[in-house]
Amino acid sequence: MDYTREPEHSQLLAIQEKEPFNAEPLSSALVEFPLTPEDLVYCRNHGPVRQFDEDDYSLTIRGGSNGEVKLTMNDLRTLFPVTCIVAVLQV
């Protein structure tokens, strides 16, 4: 597998494996916050992490009552209401 285009990962994570990238925060860092900051969210991957150019990337949904719907990243950001969900992830 090609790992040459891996994006930068948070320096706040303790890396368990570089390829595929698997890392987790120190427990001492987690107890500092009521909600885990994005830089401290653990990463579990089974292959290379892909990065997309937002201007070129789109999502196509097929089926349903509307047939096929194609959405750009801008569409995803502007056509739908912002929703916040607090969730628990456990390893």
Protein backbone atom coordinates (compact mmCIF):
# COMPACT_ATOMS: atom_id res chain seq x y z
CA MET A 1 0.00 0.00 0.00
CA ASP A 2 1.15 3.53 -0.78
CA TYR A 3 1.64 5.63 2.36
CA THR A 4 3.64 8.42 0.68
CA ARG A 5 0.72 10.89 0.68
CA GLU A 6 -0.33 10.50 4.34
CA PRO A 7 -1.58 13.81 5.74
CA GLU A 8 -0.03 15.30 8.87
CA HIS A 9 -1.34 13.80 12.09
CA SER A 10 -1.60 15.46 15.49
CA GLN A 11 1.67 15.59 17.42
CA LEU A 12 -0.34 15.15 20.64
CA LEU A 13 -1.02 11.47 19.95
CA ALA A 14 1.09 8.53 21.07
CA ILE A 15 1.78 6.61 17.85
CA GLN A 16 1.32 2.85 18.15
CA GLU A 17 1.89 2.08 14.44
CA LYS A 18 2.93 4.33 11.53
CA GLU A 19 1.66 2.17 8.64
CA PRO A 20 -1.28 1.92 8.88
CA PHE A 21 -1.50 4.91 11.18
CA ASN A 22 -2.76 4.01 14.65
CA ALA A 23 -2.40 6.42 17.55
CA GLU A 24 -4.09 7.44 20.75
CA PRO A 25 -3.88 10.24 23.30
CA LEU A 26 -2.28 9.81 26.68
CA SER A 27 -4.94 9.29 29.35
CA SER A 28 -3.46 12.26 31.24
CA ALA A 29 -4.35 14.50 28.28
CA LEU A 30 -7.92 13.20 28.06
CA VAL A 31 -8.84 14.08 31.64
CA GLU A 32 -8.02 17.75 31.03
CA PHE A 33 -11.14 18.35 28.92
CA PRO A 34 -14.87 17.65 29.35
CA LEU A 35 -15.05 16.96 25.58
CA THR A 36 -12.10 15.54 23.67
CA PRO A 37 -10.48 18.11 21.32
CA GLU A 38 -10.06 17.01 17.70
CA ASP A 39 -6.27 16.75 18.06
CA LEU A 40 -6.72 14.15 20.82
CA VAL A 41 -9.20 11.83 19.06
CA TYR A 42 -7.66 8.40 18.62
CA CYS A 43 -6.94 7.12 15.09
CA ARG A 44 -7.41 3.53 13.92
CA ASN A 45 -6.74 2.89 10.24
CA HIS A 46 -6.40 -0.22 8.11
CA GLY A 47 -4.72 1.43 5.15
CA PRO A 48 -3.42 4.78 3.89
CA VAL A 49 -5.34 7.90 4.94
CA ARG A 50 -6.59 9.77 1.90
CA GLN A 51 -6.78 13.51 1.57
CA PHE A 52 -9.17 15.05 -0.95
CA ASP A 53 -9.10 18.36 -2.76
CA GLU A 54 -12.38 19.88 -1.63
CA ASP A 55 -12.84 21.75 -4.92
CA ASP A 56 -12.72 18.51 -6.92
CA TYR A 57 -14.47 16.11 -4.53
CA SER A 58 -18.19 15.33 -4.62
CA LEU A 59 -20.55 12.81 -3.07
CA THR A 60 -23.09 10.96 -5.23
CA ILE A 61 -26.14 9.33 -3.63
CA ARG A 62 -28.11 6.93 -5.83
CA GLY A 63 -31.59 5.63 -5.16
CA GLY A 64 -34.40 6.94 -3.04
CA SER A 65 -37.19 9.20 -4.23
CA ASN A 66 -34.82 11.72 -5.89
CA GLY A 67 -32.93 9.21 -8.03
CA GLU A 68 -29.34 10.45 -8.08
CA VAL A 69 -28.11 13.43 -6.08
CA LYS A 70 -24.59 14.85 -6.44
CA LEU A 71 -23.30 17.14 -3.67
CA THR A 72 -20.09 19.14 -3.52
CA MET A 73 -18.27 19.84 -0.25
CA ASN A 74 -19.69 23.37 -0.38
CA ASP A 75 -23.20 21.90 -0.76
CA LEU A 76 -22.65 19.72 2.29
CA ARG A 77 -21.57 22.76 4.31
CA THR A 78 -24.30 25.17 3.17
CA LEU A 79 -27.45 23.20 2.27
CA PHE A 80 -27.98 21.48 5.61
CA PRO A 81 -28.38 22.75 9.16
CA VAL A 82 -25.41 22.40 11.47
CA THR A 83 -25.94 19.69 14.07
CA CYS A 84 -23.77 18.87 17.07
CA ILE A 85 -23.82 15.39 18.55
CA VAL A 86 -21.93 14.34 21.65
CA ALA A 87 -20.89 10.69 21.32
CA VAL A 88 -18.76 8.22 23.22
CA LEU A 89 -16.12 6.16 21.41
CA GLN A 90 -14.53 3.31 23.29
CA VAL A 91 -11.65 1.05 22.34
